[in-house]
Amino acid sequence: MNITTFIKKAVNLEVNWKYCDFYDIIGELTKFFNINYESEVEKIAVVEIENKIVGYIYANYPIFFIEDKFLFQIKTILHKYDYIQYINVDSFEHEYLSMDKELYDKYFNCMDDLNNFSVLDFYFYNIT
């Protein structure tokens, strides 16, 4: 699945994501989920329920990697943030994501294979 369009839209949105909305969303989600995020060192918040990771939210841009079965629930909770770019996947481990290298290199940390990567790969290379 090529995610270039989602990423391009997220990085070009004129919203107050990084300094306001991201933290508001974390607050909303903590009512229903556990959120692991260290703002001083991390760029990605991990969303969990019962010790199972269900999503990753990128702090710099409104990008939310979410497991398919939780998409409806998350969208319902965050309905007023309709600009969030949800990238829903059946598994965070499957290496079937791809995106434009030039776009990736401009906004994110170095990752070698942009033709076959997983959400976990994105997380690993961009957490700090």
N, C-alpha and C. Protein backbone atom coordinates (compact mmCIF):
# COMPACT_ATOMS: atom_id res chain seq x y z
N MET A 1 0.85 -1.16 0.00
CA MET A 1 0.00 0.00 0.00
C MET A 1 0.90 1.23 0.00
N ASN A 2 0.71 2.07 -0.97
CA ASN A 2 1.50 3.29 -1.06
C ASN A 2 0.84 4.37 -0.20
N ILE A 3 1.60 4.92 0.75
CA ILE A 3 1.05 5.89 1.69
C ILE A 3 1.49 7.33 1.38
N THR A 4 2.10 7.54 0.23
CA THR A 4 2.60 8.86 -0.15
C THR A 4 1.52 9.93 -0.07
N THR A 5 0.34 9.66 -0.57
CA THR A 5 -0.74 10.65 -0.58
C THR A 5 -1.12 11.06 0.84
N PHE A 6 -1.22 10.09 1.75
CA PHE A 6 -1.55 10.39 3.14
C PHE A 6 -0.47 11.28 3.77
N ILE A 7 0.78 10.92 3.54
CA ILE A 7 1.89 11.66 4.13
C ILE A 7 1.97 13.07 3.55
N LYS A 8 1.83 13.16 2.23
CA LYS A 8 1.88 14.47 1.57
C LYS A 8 0.80 15.39 2.12
N LYS A 9 -0.40 14.86 2.29
CA LYS A 9 -1.49 15.67 2.82
C LYS A 9 -1.19 16.09 4.26
N ALA A 10 -0.70 15.19 5.08
CA ALA A 10 -0.42 15.48 6.49
C ALA A 10 0.64 16.57 6.66
N VAL A 11 1.71 16.51 5.89
CA VAL A 11 2.79 17.48 6.06
C VAL A 11 2.43 18.85 5.47
N ASN A 12 1.42 18.91 4.64
CA ASN A 12 1.02 20.18 4.03
C ASN A 12 -0.20 20.83 4.68
N LEU A 13 -0.77 20.21 5.68
CA LEU A 13 -1.94 20.78 6.35
C LEU A 13 -1.55 22.00 7.16
N GLU A 14 -2.41 22.99 7.15
CA GLU A 14 -2.22 24.21 7.93
C GLU A 14 -3.04 24.10 9.21
N VAL A 15 -2.54 23.30 10.16
CA VAL A 15 -3.22 23.11 11.44
C VAL A 15 -2.20 23.26 12.56
N ASN A 16 -2.70 23.47 13.76
CA ASN A 16 -1.82 23.63 14.91
C ASN A 16 -1.59 22.28 15.58
N TRP A 17 -1.07 21.36 14.83
CA TRP A 17 -0.92 19.99 15.29
C TRP A 17 0.17 19.84 16.34
N LYS A 18 1.38 20.15 15.98
CA LYS A 18 2.56 19.84 16.79
C LYS A 18 2.52 20.47 18.18
N TYR A 19 1.96 21.65 18.30
CA TYR A 19 2.02 22.37 19.57
C TYR A 19 0.71 22.40 20.35
N CYS A 20 -0.35 21.92 19.75
CA CYS A 20 -1.64 21.99 20.44
C CYS A 20 -2.48 20.73 20.24
N ASP A 21 -2.94 20.50 19.01
CA ASP A 21 -3.89 19.42 18.75
C ASP A 21 -3.35 18.05 19.13
N PHE A 22 -2.08 17.80 18.89
CA PHE A 22 -1.49 16.51 19.25
C PHE A 22 -1.71 16.23 20.73
N TYR A 23 -1.45 17.21 21.58
CA TYR A 23 -1.59 17.03 23.02
C TYR A 23 -3.06 16.93 23.43
N ASP A 24 -3.94 17.65 22.75
CA ASP A 24 -5.37 17.51 23.01
C ASP A 24 -5.84 16.09 22.68
N ILE A 25 -5.35 15.56 21.59
CA ILE A 25 -5.72 14.20 21.18
C ILE A 25 -5.21 13.17 22.17
N ILE A 26 -3.99 13.35 22.63
CA ILE A 26 -3.44 12.45 23.65
C ILE A 26 -4.35 12.47 24.88
N GLY A 27 -4.79 13.66 25.26
CA GLY A 27 -5.71 13.78 26.39
C GLY A 27 -7.03 13.06 26.17
N GLU A 28 -7.59 13.19 24.97
CA GLU A 28 -8.84 12.50 24.64
C GLU A 28 -8.66 10.98 24.67
N LEU A 29 -7.57 10.51 24.10
CA LEU A 29 -7.35 9.07 24.01
C LEU A 29 -7.06 8.43 25.36
N THR A 30 -6.47 9.19 26.30
CA THR A 30 -6.16 8.60 27.60
C THR A 30 -7.41 8.24 28.39
N LYS A 31 -8.56 8.71 27.97
CA LYS A 31 -9.82 8.34 28.62
C LYS A 31 -10.19 6.88 28.30
N PHE A 32 -9.65 6.35 27.19
CA PHE A 32 -10.03 5.02 26.73
C PHE A 32 -8.84 4.07 26.56
N PHE A 33 -7.65 4.63 26.38
CA PHE A 33 -6.46 3.85 26.07
C PHE A 33 -5.29 4.28 26.95
N ASN A 34 -4.28 3.44 27.01
CA ASN A 34 -3.02 3.82 27.62
C ASN A 34 -2.17 4.46 26.53
N ILE A 35 -1.53 5.57 26.86
CA ILE A 35 -0.68 6.26 25.90
C ILE A 35 0.74 6.30 26.46
N ASN A 36 1.68 5.82 25.67
CA ASN A 36 3.09 5.89 26.05
C ASN A 36 3.77 6.92 25.16
N TYR A 37 4.26 7.98 25.80
CA TYR A 37 4.89 9.05 25.05
C TYR A 37 5.77 9.88 25.98
N GLU A 38 7.02 10.05 25.59
CA GLU A 38 7.94 10.91 26.33
C GLU A 38 8.28 12.08 25.42
N SER A 39 7.66 13.23 25.68
CA SER A 39 7.76 14.37 24.78
C SER A 39 9.17 14.91 24.59
N GLU A 40 10.05 14.73 25.57
CA GLU A 40 11.40 15.25 25.45
C GLU A 40 12.26 14.46 24.48
N VAL A 41 11.93 13.20 24.26
CA VAL A 41 12.81 12.36 23.44
C VAL A 41 12.11 11.65 22.28
N GLU A 42 10.81 11.53 22.31
CA GLU A 42 10.11 10.74 21.30
C GLU A 42 9.28 11.60 20.36
N LYS A 43 9.13 11.10 19.13
CA LYS A 43 8.29 11.75 18.12
C LYS A 43 7.02 10.97 17.84
N ILE A 44 6.86 9.83 18.48
CA ILE A 44 5.69 8.98 18.23
C ILE A 44 5.10 8.52 19.55
N ALA A 45 3.78 8.68 19.69
CA ALA A 45 3.06 8.19 20.85
C ALA A 45 2.49 6.81 20.50
N VAL A 46 2.58 5.90 21.46
CA VAL A 46 2.07 4.55 21.28
C VAL A 46 0.72 4.45 22.01
N VAL A 47 -0.29 3.98 21.29
CA VAL A 47 -1.64 3.82 21.84
C VAL A 47 -1.85 2.34 22.13
N GLU A 48 -2.22 2.03 23.38
CA GLU A 48 -2.38 0.64 23.79
C GLU A 48 -3.71 0.43 24.52
N ILE A 49 -4.18 -0.79 24.45
CA ILE A 49 -5.31 -1.22 25.26
C ILE A 49 -4.97 -2.63 25.75
N GLU A 50 -5.07 -2.81 27.05
CA GLU A 50 -4.76 -4.11 27.67
C GLU A 50 -3.41 -4.65 27.20
N ASN A 51 -2.39 -3.81 27.22
CA ASN A 51 -1.01 -4.17 26.84
C ASN A 51 -0.87 -4.60 25.39
N LYS A 52 -1.80 -4.22 24.54
CA LYS A 52 -1.71 -4.49 23.11
C LYS A 52 -1.65 -3.16 22.37
N ILE A 53 -0.66 -3.01 21.52
CA ILE A 53 -0.53 -1.78 20.75
C ILE A 53 -1.60 -1.77 19.66
N VAL A 54 -2.34 -0.66 19.59
CA VAL A 54 -3.40 -0.53 18.58
C VAL A 54 -3.13 0.63 17.63
N GLY A 55 -2.15 1.49 17.98
CA GLY A 55 -1.86 2.61 17.10
C GLY A 55 -0.60 3.36 17.47
N TYR A 56 -0.14 4.14 16.48
CA TYR A 56 1.03 5.01 16.64
C TYR A 56 0.65 6.38 16.08
N ILE A 57 0.87 7.42 16.87
CA ILE A 57 0.56 8.78 16.42
C ILE A 57 1.87 9.55 16.31
N TYR A 58 2.09 10.13 15.14
CA TYR A 58 3.31 10.90 14.91
C TYR A 58 3.10 12.31 15.48
N ALA A 59 4.05 12.77 16.30
CA ALA A 59 3.90 14.06 16.99
C ALA A 59 4.08 15.27 16.08
N ASN A 60 4.88 15.17 15.04
CA ASN A 60 5.15 16.34 14.20
C ASN A 60 4.08 16.63 13.16
N TYR A 61 3.37 15.60 12.73
CA TYR A 61 2.33 15.75 11.70
C TYR A 61 1.14 14.86 12.06
N PRO A 62 -0.06 15.20 11.60
CA PRO A 62 -1.25 14.43 11.96
C PRO A 62 -1.35 13.10 11.19
N ILE A 63 -0.45 12.19 11.57
CA ILE A 63 -0.40 10.86 10.97
C ILE A 63 -0.67 9.85 12.08
N PHE A 64 -1.64 9.00 11.84
CA PHE A 64 -2.04 8.02 12.85
C PHE A 64 -2.07 6.64 12.19
N PHE A 65 -1.10 5.79 12.53
CA PHE A 65 -1.11 4.41 12.08
C PHE A 65 -1.99 3.64 13.05
N ILE A 66 -3.00 2.97 12.52
CA ILE A 66 -3.99 2.33 13.37
C ILE A 66 -4.33 0.93 12.85
N GLU A 67 -4.51 0.02 13.77
CA GLU A 67 -4.93 -1.33 13.39
C GLU A 67 -6.39 -1.27 12.94
N ASP A 68 -6.70 -1.97 11.85
CA ASP A 68 -8.03 -1.94 11.23
C ASP A 68 -9.19 -2.03 12.23
N LYS A 69 -9.10 -2.97 13.15
CA LYS A 69 -10.25 -3.22 14.02
C LYS A 69 -10.50 -2.11 15.03
N PHE A 70 -9.60 -1.16 15.17
CA PHE A 70 -9.79 -0.04 16.09
C PHE A 70 -10.07 1.28 15.37
N LEU A 71 -10.06 1.27 14.06
CA LEU A 71 -10.23 2.50 13.29
C LEU A 71 -11.54 3.21 13.60
N PHE A 72 -12.65 2.51 13.57
CA PHE A 72 -13.95 3.13 13.82
C PHE A 72 -14.01 3.75 15.21
N GLN A 73 -13.54 3.03 16.21
CA GLN A 73 -13.55 3.51 17.59
C GLN A 73 -12.70 4.78 17.73
N ILE A 74 -11.52 4.79 17.15
CA ILE A 74 -10.63 5.95 17.23
C ILE A 74 -11.24 7.14 16.49
N LYS A 75 -11.76 6.91 15.30
CA LYS A 75 -12.37 8.00 14.53
C LYS A 75 -13.58 8.59 15.26
N THR A 76 -14.32 7.76 15.98
CA THR A 76 -15.46 8.23 16.75
C THR A 76 -14.99 9.13 17.89
N ILE A 77 -13.94 8.72 18.58
CA ILE A 77 -13.39 9.52 19.69
C ILE A 77 -12.82 10.84 19.17
N LEU A 78 -12.13 10.80 18.04
CA LEU A 78 -11.43 11.97 17.52
C LEU A 78 -12.16 12.63 16.36
N HIS A 79 -13.48 12.51 16.31
CA HIS A 79 -14.27 12.99 15.17
C HIS A 79 -14.07 14.47 14.84
N LYS A 80 -13.75 15.30 15.81
CA LYS A 80 -13.59 16.73 15.51
C LYS A 80 -12.25 17.04 14.85
N TYR A 81 -11.36 16.06 14.83
CA TYR A 81 -10.06 16.23 14.16
C TYR A 81 -10.10 15.48 12.83
N ASP A 82 -10.98 15.90 11.95
CA ASP A 82 -11.22 15.16 10.71
C ASP A 82 -10.07 15.26 9.71
N TYR A 83 -9.08 16.04 9.98
CA TYR A 83 -7.93 16.17 9.08
C TYR A 83 -6.83 15.14 9.35
N ILE A 84 -6.95 14.38 10.44
CA ILE A 84 -5.93 13.37 10.74
C ILE A 84 -5.85 12.38 9.59
N GLN A 85 -4.64 12.04 9.21
CA GLN A 85 -4.43 11.07 8.15
C GLN A 85 -4.26 9.69 8.79
N TYR A 86 -5.31 8.90 8.72
CA TYR A 86 -5.29 7.55 9.27
C TYR A 86 -4.73 6.60 8.24
N ILE A 87 -3.74 5.86 8.66
CA ILE A 87 -3.19 4.80 7.81
C ILE A 87 -3.52 3.50 8.54
N ASN A 88 -4.59 2.87 8.09
CA ASN A 88 -5.04 1.67 8.77
C ASN A 88 -4.45 0.43 8.10
N VAL A 89 -4.00 -0.48 8.95
CA VAL A 89 -3.33 -1.70 8.51
C VAL A 89 -3.91 -2.88 9.27
N ASP A 90 -3.77 -4.06 8.67
CA ASP A 90 -4.24 -5.26 9.36
C ASP A 90 -3.22 -5.74 10.40
N SER A 91 -1.97 -5.39 10.20
CA SER A 91 -0.91 -5.79 11.13
C SER A 91 0.23 -4.78 11.06
N PHE A 92 0.78 -4.44 12.19
CA PHE A 92 1.91 -3.52 12.23
C PHE A 92 3.19 -4.16 11.73
N GLU A 93 3.23 -5.48 11.67
CA GLU A 93 4.43 -6.20 11.26
C GLU A 93 4.54 -6.41 9.75
N HIS A 94 3.42 -6.40 9.03
CA HIS A 94 3.45 -6.68 7.60
C HIS A 94 4.23 -5.61 6.85
N GLU A 95 5.13 -6.04 6.01
CA GLU A 95 5.98 -5.12 5.24
C GLU A 95 5.39 -4.88 3.86
N TYR A 96 4.28 -4.16 3.82
CA TYR A 96 3.63 -3.89 2.55
C TYR A 96 3.39 -2.41 2.30
N LEU A 97 3.97 -1.56 3.14
CA LEU A 97 3.84 -0.12 2.94
C LEU A 97 4.95 0.39 2.02
N SER A 98 4.65 1.45 1.32
CA SER A 98 5.67 2.09 0.46
C SER A 98 5.33 3.57 0.38
N MET A 99 6.35 4.35 0.00
CA MET A 99 6.11 5.77 -0.22
C MET A 99 7.26 6.37 -1.01
N ASP A 100 7.02 7.56 -1.50
CA ASP A 100 7.99 8.29 -2.29
C ASP A 100 9.23 8.61 -1.46
N LYS A 101 10.40 8.24 -1.96
CA LYS A 101 11.66 8.42 -1.22
C LYS A 101 11.97 9.89 -0.99
N GLU A 102 11.77 10.72 -1.97
CA GLU A 102 12.09 12.15 -1.84
C GLU A 102 11.24 12.79 -0.73
N LEU A 103 9.97 12.47 -0.70
CA LEU A 103 9.09 12.99 0.34
C LEU A 103 9.50 12.47 1.71
N TYR A 104 9.75 11.18 1.79
CA TYR A 104 10.17 10.58 3.07
C TYR A 104 11.45 11.24 3.58
N ASP A 105 12.44 11.34 2.73
CA ASP A 105 13.74 11.90 3.15
C ASP A 105 13.63 13.35 3.59
N LYS A 106 12.68 14.08 3.06
CA LYS A 106 12.51 15.48 3.42
C LYS A 106 11.96 15.66 4.83
N TYR A 107 11.09 14.75 5.28
CA TYR A 107 10.38 14.94 6.54
C TYR A 107 10.71 13.94 7.64
N PHE A 108 11.35 12.84 7.31
CA PHE A 108 11.55 11.78 8.29
C PHE A 108 13.01 11.33 8.33
N ASN A 109 13.31 10.48 9.31
CA ASN A 109 14.66 9.95 9.46
C ASN A 109 14.96 8.88 8.41
N CYS A 110 16.21 8.63 8.21
CA CYS A 110 16.67 7.72 7.16
C CYS A 110 16.11 6.30 7.33
N MET A 111 15.59 5.75 6.24
CA MET A 111 15.15 4.36 6.19
C MET A 111 15.49 3.85 4.80
N ASP A 112 16.08 2.68 4.72
CA ASP A 112 16.60 2.17 3.45
C ASP A 112 15.53 1.76 2.44
N ASP A 113 14.69 0.84 2.80
CA ASP A 113 13.74 0.28 1.84
C ASP A 113 12.37 0.93 1.98
N LEU A 114 12.07 1.84 1.09
CA LEU A 114 10.77 2.52 1.12
C LEU A 114 9.75 1.86 0.21
N ASN A 115 10.09 0.70 -0.33
CA ASN A 115 9.16 -0.05 -1.17
C ASN A 115 8.45 -1.15 -0.40
N ASN A 116 9.04 -1.58 0.70
CA ASN A 116 8.46 -2.64 1.52
C ASN A 116 8.84 -2.42 2.98
N PHE A 117 8.03 -1.66 3.68
CA PHE A 117 8.30 -1.48 5.10
C PHE A 117 7.01 -1.63 5.89
N SER A 118 7.16 -1.85 7.17
CA SER A 118 6.02 -2.04 8.05
C SER A 118 5.83 -0.79 8.91
N VAL A 119 4.74 -0.75 9.61
CA VAL A 119 4.51 0.34 10.57
C VAL A 119 5.59 0.28 11.65
N LEU A 120 5.97 -0.92 12.06
CA LEU A 120 7.03 -1.05 13.07
C LEU A 120 8.36 -0.51 12.55
N ASP A 121 8.64 -0.69 11.27
CA ASP A 121 9.86 -0.11 10.69
C ASP A 121 9.79 1.42 10.79
N PHE A 122 8.65 1.99 10.39
CA PHE A 122 8.48 3.44 10.47
C PHE A 122 8.68 3.91 11.91
N TYR A 123 8.08 3.21 12.83
CA TYR A 123 8.21 3.55 14.26
C TYR A 123 9.68 3.49 14.69
N PHE A 124 10.34 2.42 14.39
CA PHE A 124 11.73 2.23 14.80
C PHE A 124 12.65 3.35 14.28
N TYR A 125 12.50 3.70 13.03
CA TYR A 125 13.38 4.70 12.42
C TYR A 125 13.01 6.14 12.78
N ASN A 126 11.82 6.36 13.29
CA ASN A 126 11.37 7.73 13.54
C ASN A 126 10.96 8.03 14.97
N ILE A 127 11.19 7.13 15.90
CA ILE A 127 10.77 7.33 17.28
C ILE A 127 11.47 8.53 17.94
N THR A 128 12.73 8.74 17.61
CA THR A 128 13.46 9.87 18.24
C THR A 128 13.93 10.86 17.20
